[in-house]
C-alpha cells in the first residue's frame, strides 16, 4: 500500500503531460497485474486494463 502511495505522490508532483501520461500508464499496468491476481483470469485483467487505457 505504501508503494502505491509513493506512486500517487509522484503522480501529483509531476505537472508535465509526459509525466502524467507515463505515470498513468505505469499505474494502469500495476492495476492490470492486481486484477489478474484477484480474478485469476487473464481476460478479466486485460479487459480492465484496456478499459482503463481508453478512459
PDB file of N, CA and C in Angstrom:
ATOM      1  N   UNK A   1       0.831  -1.201   0.000  1.00  0.00           N
ATOM      2  CA  UNK A   1       0.000   0.000   0.000  1.00  0.00           C
ATOM      3  C   UNK A   1       0.871   1.258   0.000  1.00  0.00           C
ATOM      4  N   UNK A   2       1.970   1.230   0.730  1.00  0.00           N
ATOM      5  CA  UNK A   2       2.850   2.397   0.785  1.00  0.00           C
ATOM      6  C   UNK A   2       3.507   2.658  -0.571  1.00  0.00           C
ATOM      7  N   UNK A   3       3.743   1.565  -1.333  1.00  0.00           N
ATOM      8  CA  UNK A   3       4.340   1.717  -2.661  1.00  0.00           C
ATOM      9  C   UNK A   3       3.392   2.472  -3.589  1.00  0.00           C
ATOM     10  N   UNK A   4       2.101   2.111  -3.547  1.00  0.00           N
ATOM     11  CA  UNK A   4       1.102   2.814  -4.351  1.00  0.00           C
ATOM     12  C   UNK A   4       0.964   4.262  -3.892  1.00  0.00           C
ATOM     13  N   UNK A   5       1.101   4.492  -2.582  1.00  0.00           N
ATOM     14  CA  UNK A   5       1.036   5.853  -2.045  1.00  0.00           C
ATOM     15  C   UNK A   5       2.181   6.705  -2.587  1.00  0.00           C
ATOM     16  N   UNK A   6       3.370   6.115  -2.665  1.00  0.00           N
ATOM     17  CA  UNK A   6       4.528   6.816  -3.226  1.00  0.00           C
ATOM     18  C   UNK A   6       4.296   7.128  -4.699  1.00  0.00           C
ATOM     19  N   UNK A   7       3.748   6.146  -5.445  1.00  0.00           N
ATOM     20  CA  UNK A   7       3.443   6.370  -6.859  1.00  0.00           C
ATOM     21  C   UNK A   7       2.423   7.482  -7.023  1.00  0.00           C
ATOM     22  N   UNK A   8       1.420   7.495  -6.138  1.00  0.00           N
ATOM     23  CA  UNK A   8       0.388   8.539  -6.207  1.00  0.00           C
ATOM     24  C   UNK A   8       0.996   9.911  -5.941  1.00  0.00           C
ATOM     25  N   UNK A   9       1.905   9.993  -4.963  1.00  0.00           N
ATOM     26  CA  UNK A   9       2.590  11.256  -4.675  1.00  0.00           C
ATOM     27  C   UNK A   9       3.393  11.729  -5.877  1.00  0.00           C
ATOM     28  N   UNK A  10       4.043  10.785  -6.566  1.00  0.00           N
ATOM     29  CA  UNK A  10       4.795  11.137  -7.769  1.00  0.00           C
ATOM     30  C   UNK A  10       3.854  11.658  -8.842  1.00  0.00           C
ATOM     31  N   UNK A  11       2.689  11.022  -8.969  1.00  0.00           N
ATOM     32  CA  UNK A  11       1.701  11.438  -9.963  1.00  0.00           C
ATOM     33  C   UNK A  11       1.218  12.856  -9.675  1.00  0.00           C
ATOM     34  N   UNK A  12       1.012  13.177  -8.401  1.00  0.00           N
ATOM     35  CA  UNK A  12       0.569  14.513  -8.013  1.00  0.00           C
ATOM     36  C   UNK A  12       1.675  15.543  -8.260  1.00  0.00           C
ATOM     37  N   UNK A  13       2.921  15.162  -7.974  1.00  0.00           N
ATOM     38  CA  UNK A  13       4.032  16.100  -8.099  1.00  0.00           C
ATOM     39  C   UNK A  13       4.398  16.392  -9.550  1.00  0.00           C
ATOM     40  N   UNK A  14       4.254  15.385 -10.422  1.00  0.00           N
ATOM     41  CA  UNK A  14       4.561  15.603 -11.840  1.00  0.00           C
ATOM     42  C   UNK A  14       3.487  16.466 -12.478  1.00  0.00           C
ATOM     43  N   UNK A  15       3.885  17.595 -13.043  1.00  0.00           N
ATOM     44  CA  UNK A  15       2.915  18.522 -13.626  1.00  0.00           C
ATOM     45  C   UNK A  15       2.955  18.523 -15.156  1.00  0.00           C
ATOM     46  N   UNK A  16       3.925  17.834 -15.748  1.00  0.00           N
ATOM     47  CA  UNK A  16       4.012  17.816 -17.211  1.00  0.00           C
ATOM     48  C   UNK A  16       3.102  16.737 -17.773  1.00  0.00           C
ATOM     49  N   UNK A  17       2.664  16.929 -18.999  1.00  0.00           N
ATOM     50  CA  UNK A  17       1.801  15.949 -19.649  1.00  0.00           C
ATOM     51  C   UNK A  17       2.506  14.609 -19.814  1.00  0.00           C
ATOM     52  N   UNK A  18       3.792  14.650 -20.148  1.00  0.00           N
ATOM     53  CA  UNK A  18       4.565  13.421 -20.324  1.00  0.00           C
ATOM     54  C   UNK A  18       4.632  12.659 -19.005  1.00  0.00           C
ATOM     55  N   UNK A  19       4.864  13.382 -17.911  1.00  0.00           N
ATOM     56  CA  UNK A  19       4.908  12.749 -16.594  1.00  0.00           C
ATOM     57  C   UNK A  19       3.579  12.123 -16.230  1.00  0.00           C
ATOM     58  N   UNK A  20       2.491  12.845 -16.474  1.00  0.00           N
ATOM     59  CA  UNK A  20       1.165  12.314 -16.187  1.00  0.00           C
ATOM     60  C   UNK A  20       0.872  11.081 -17.020  1.00  0.00           C
ATOM     61  N   UNK A  21       1.188  11.138 -18.316  1.00  0.00           N
ATOM     62  CA  UNK A  21       0.914  10.027 -19.217  1.00  0.00           C
ATOM     63  C   UNK A  21       1.706   8.790 -18.802  1.00  0.00           C
ATOM     64  N   UNK A  22       3.001   8.981 -18.525  1.00  0.00           N
ATOM     65  CA  UNK A  22       3.870   7.863 -18.168  1.00  0.00           C
ATOM     66  C   UNK A  22       3.433   7.215 -16.859  1.00  0.00           C
ATOM     67  N   UNK A  23       3.185   8.034 -15.847  1.00  0.00           N
ATOM     68  CA  UNK A  23       2.798   7.504 -14.542  1.00  0.00           C
ATOM     69  C   UNK A  23       1.412   6.889 -14.570  1.00  0.00           C
ATOM     70  N   UNK A  24       0.518   7.457 -15.372  1.00  0.00           N
ATOM     71  CA  UNK A  24      -0.817   6.879 -15.508  1.00  0.00           C
ATOM     72  C   UNK A  24      -0.734   5.499 -16.149  1.00  0.00           C
ATOM     73  N   UNK A  25       0.133   5.358 -17.150  1.00  0.00           N
ATOM     74  CA  UNK A  25       0.315   4.050 -17.779  1.00  0.00           C
ATOM     75  C   UNK A  25       0.946   3.069 -16.798  1.00  0.00           C
ATOM     76  N   UNK A  26       1.891   3.564 -15.992  1.00  0.00           N
ATOM     77  CA  UNK A  26       2.547   2.710 -15.013  1.00  0.00           C
ATOM     78  C   UNK A  26       1.541   2.224 -13.974  1.00  0.00           C
ATOM     79  N   UNK A  27       0.708   3.146 -13.461  1.00  0.00           N
ATOM     80  CA  UNK A  27      -0.331   2.772 -12.504  1.00  0.00           C
ATOM     81  C   UNK A  27      -1.322   1.817 -13.144  1.00  0.00           C
ATOM     82  N   UNK A  28      -1.619   2.047 -14.422  1.00  0.00           N
ATOM     83  CA  UNK A  28      -2.519   1.163 -15.153  1.00  0.00           C
ATOM     84  C   UNK A  28      -1.958  -0.244 -15.242  1.00  0.00           C
ATOM     85  N   UNK A  29      -0.642  -0.353 -15.426  1.00  0.00           N
ATOM     86  CA  UNK A  29      -0.002  -1.659 -15.514  1.00  0.00           C
ATOM     87  C   UNK A  29      -0.078  -2.395 -14.180  1.00  0.00           C
ATOM     88  N   UNK A  30       0.161  -1.683 -13.072  1.00  0.00           N
ATOM     89  CA  UNK A  30       0.057  -2.309 -11.752  1.00  0.00           C
ATOM     90  C   UNK A  30      -1.380  -2.708 -11.451  1.00  0.00           C
ATOM     91  N   UNK A  31      -2.340  -1.883 -11.903  1.00  0.00           N
ATOM     92  CA  UNK A  31      -3.754  -2.202 -11.753  1.00  0.00           C
ATOM     93  C   UNK A  31      -4.090  -3.465 -12.536  1.00  0.00           C
ATOM     94  N   UNK A  32      -3.507  -3.574 -13.740  1.00  0.00           N
ATOM     95  CA  UNK A  32      -3.678  -4.739 -14.602  1.00  0.00           C
ATOM     96  C   UNK A  32      -3.161  -5.995 -13.902  1.00  0.00           C
ATOM     97  N   UNK A  33      -1.970  -5.907 -13.300  1.00  0.00           N
ATOM     98  CA  UNK A  33      -1.410  -7.050 -12.576  1.00  0.00           C
ATOM     99  C   UNK A  33      -2.282  -7.409 -11.379  1.00  0.00           C
ATOM    100  N   UNK A  34      -2.759  -6.401 -10.659  1.00  0.00           N
ATOM    101  CA  UNK A  34      -3.609  -6.606  -9.487  1.00  0.00           C
ATOM    102  C   UNK A  34      -4.896  -7.316  -9.884  1.00  0.00           C
ATOM    103  N   UNK A  35      -5.505  -6.884 -10.985  1.00  0.00           N
ATOM    104  CA  UNK A  35      -6.734  -7.510 -11.459  1.00  0.00           C
ATOM    105  C   UNK A  35      -6.499  -8.964 -11.830  1.00  0.00           C
ATOM    106  N   UNK A  36      -5.352  -9.258 -12.431  1.00  0.00           N
ATOM    107  CA  UNK A  36      -5.041 -10.640 -12.788  1.00  0.00           C
ATOM    108  C   UNK A  36      -4.907 -11.509 -11.546  1.00  0.00           C
ATOM    109  N   UNK A  37      -4.302 -10.976 -10.498  1.00  0.00           N
ATOM    110  CA  UNK A  37      -4.135 -11.740  -9.269  1.00  0.00           C
ATOM    111  C   UNK A  37      -5.471 -11.979  -8.579  1.00  0.00           C
ATOM    112  N   UNK A  38      -6.340 -10.975  -8.602  1.00  0.00           N
ATOM    113  CA  UNK A  38      -7.638 -11.093  -7.945  1.00  0.00           C
ATOM    114  C   UNK A  38      -8.572 -11.998  -8.739  1.00  0.00           C
ATOM    115  N   UNK A  39      -8.663 -11.758 -10.046  1.00  0.00           N
ATOM    116  CA  UNK A  39      -9.579 -12.527 -10.892  1.00  0.00           C
ATOM    117  C   UNK A  39      -9.029 -13.919 -11.191  1.00  0.00           C
ATOM    118  N   UNK A  40      -7.697 -14.046 -11.179  1.00  0.00           N
ATOM    119  CA  UNK A  40      -7.027 -15.275 -11.614  1.00  0.00           C
ATOM    120  C   UNK A  40      -7.501 -15.647 -13.016  1.00  0.00           C
ATOM    121  N   UNK A  41      -7.672 -14.613 -13.831  1.00  0.00           N
ATOM    122  CA  UNK A  41      -8.160 -14.800 -15.193  1.00  0.00           C
ATOM    123  C   UNK A  41      -7.558 -13.699 -16.052  1.00  0.00           C
ATOM    124  N   UNK A  42      -6.707 -14.054 -17.002  1.00  0.00           N
ATOM    125  CA  UNK A  42      -6.001 -13.060 -17.815  1.00  0.00           C
ATOM    126  C   UNK A  42      -6.967 -12.166 -18.580  1.00  0.00           C
ATOM    127  N   UNK A  43      -8.061 -12.740 -19.071  1.00  0.00           N
ATOM    128  CA  UNK A  43      -9.009 -11.952 -19.858  1.00  0.00           C
ATOM    129  C   UNK A  43      -9.665 -10.875 -19.012  1.00  0.00           C
ATOM    130  N   UNK A  44      -9.980 -11.188 -17.784  1.00  0.00           N
ATOM    131  CA  UNK A  44     -10.612 -10.214 -16.888  1.00  0.00           C
ATOM    132  C   UNK A  44      -9.679  -9.022 -16.669  1.00  0.00           C
ATOM    133  N   UNK A  45      -8.431  -9.302 -16.315  1.00  0.00           N
ATOM    134  CA  UNK A  45      -7.452  -8.247 -16.070  1.00  0.00           C
ATOM    135  C   UNK A  45      -7.154  -7.445 -17.322  1.00  0.00           C
ATOM    136  N   UNK A  46      -7.060  -8.137 -18.456  1.00  0.00           N
ATOM    137  CA  UNK A  46      -6.770  -7.464 -19.716  1.00  0.00           C
ATOM    138  C   UNK A  46      -7.902  -6.525 -20.104  1.00  0.00           C
ATOM    139  N   UNK A  47      -9.130  -6.966 -19.892  1.00  0.00           N
ATOM    140  CA  UNK A  47     -10.299  -6.138 -20.196  1.00  0.00           C
ATOM    141  C   UNK A  47     -10.300  -4.877 -19.334  1.00  0.00           C
ATOM    142  N   UNK A  48      -9.976  -5.029 -18.058  1.00  0.00           N
ATOM    143  CA  UNK A  48      -9.905  -3.879 -17.150  1.00  0.00           C
ATOM    144  C   UNK A  48      -8.813  -2.901 -17.607  1.00  0.00           C
ATOM    145  N   UNK A  49      -7.671  -3.449 -18.030  1.00  0.00           N
ATOM    146  CA  UNK A  49      -6.542  -2.619 -18.451  1.00  0.00           C
ATOM    147  C   UNK A  49      -6.882  -1.837 -19.717  1.00  0.00           C
ATOM    148  N   UNK A  50      -7.514  -2.509 -20.691  1.00  0.00           N
ATOM    149  CA  UNK A  50      -7.914  -1.849 -21.938  1.00  0.00           C
ATOM    150  C   UNK A  50      -8.936  -0.751 -21.650  1.00  0.00           C
ATOM    151  N   UNK A  51      -9.888  -1.052 -20.768  1.00  0.00           N
ATOM    152  CA  UNK A  51     -10.903  -0.062 -20.385  1.00  0.00           C
ATOM    153  C   UNK A  51     -10.240   1.152 -19.740  1.00  0.00           C
ATOM    154  N   UNK A  52      -9.232   0.908 -18.893  1.00  0.00           N
ATOM    155  CA  UNK A  52      -8.520   1.986 -18.211  1.00  0.00           C
ATOM    156  C   UNK A  52      -7.773   2.859 -19.219  1.00  0.00           C
ATOM    157  N   UNK A  53      -7.155   2.228 -20.221  1.00  0.00           N
ATOM    158  CA  UNK A  53      -6.409   2.980 -21.230  1.00  0.00           C
ATOM    159  C   UNK A  53      -7.328   3.827 -22.101  1.00  0.00           C
ATOM    160  N   UNK A  54      -8.545   3.349 -22.344  1.00  0.00           N
ATOM    161  CA  UNK A  54      -9.462   4.073 -23.212  1.00  0.00           C
ATOM    162  C   UNK A  54     -10.064   5.293 -22.524  1.00  0.00           C
ATOM    163  N   UNK A  55     -10.099   5.301 -21.201  1.00  0.00           N
ATOM    164  CA  UNK A  55     -10.705   6.430 -20.484  1.00  0.00           C
ATOM    165  C   UNK A  55      -9.789   7.648 -20.480  1.00  0.00           C
TER     166      UNK A  55
END
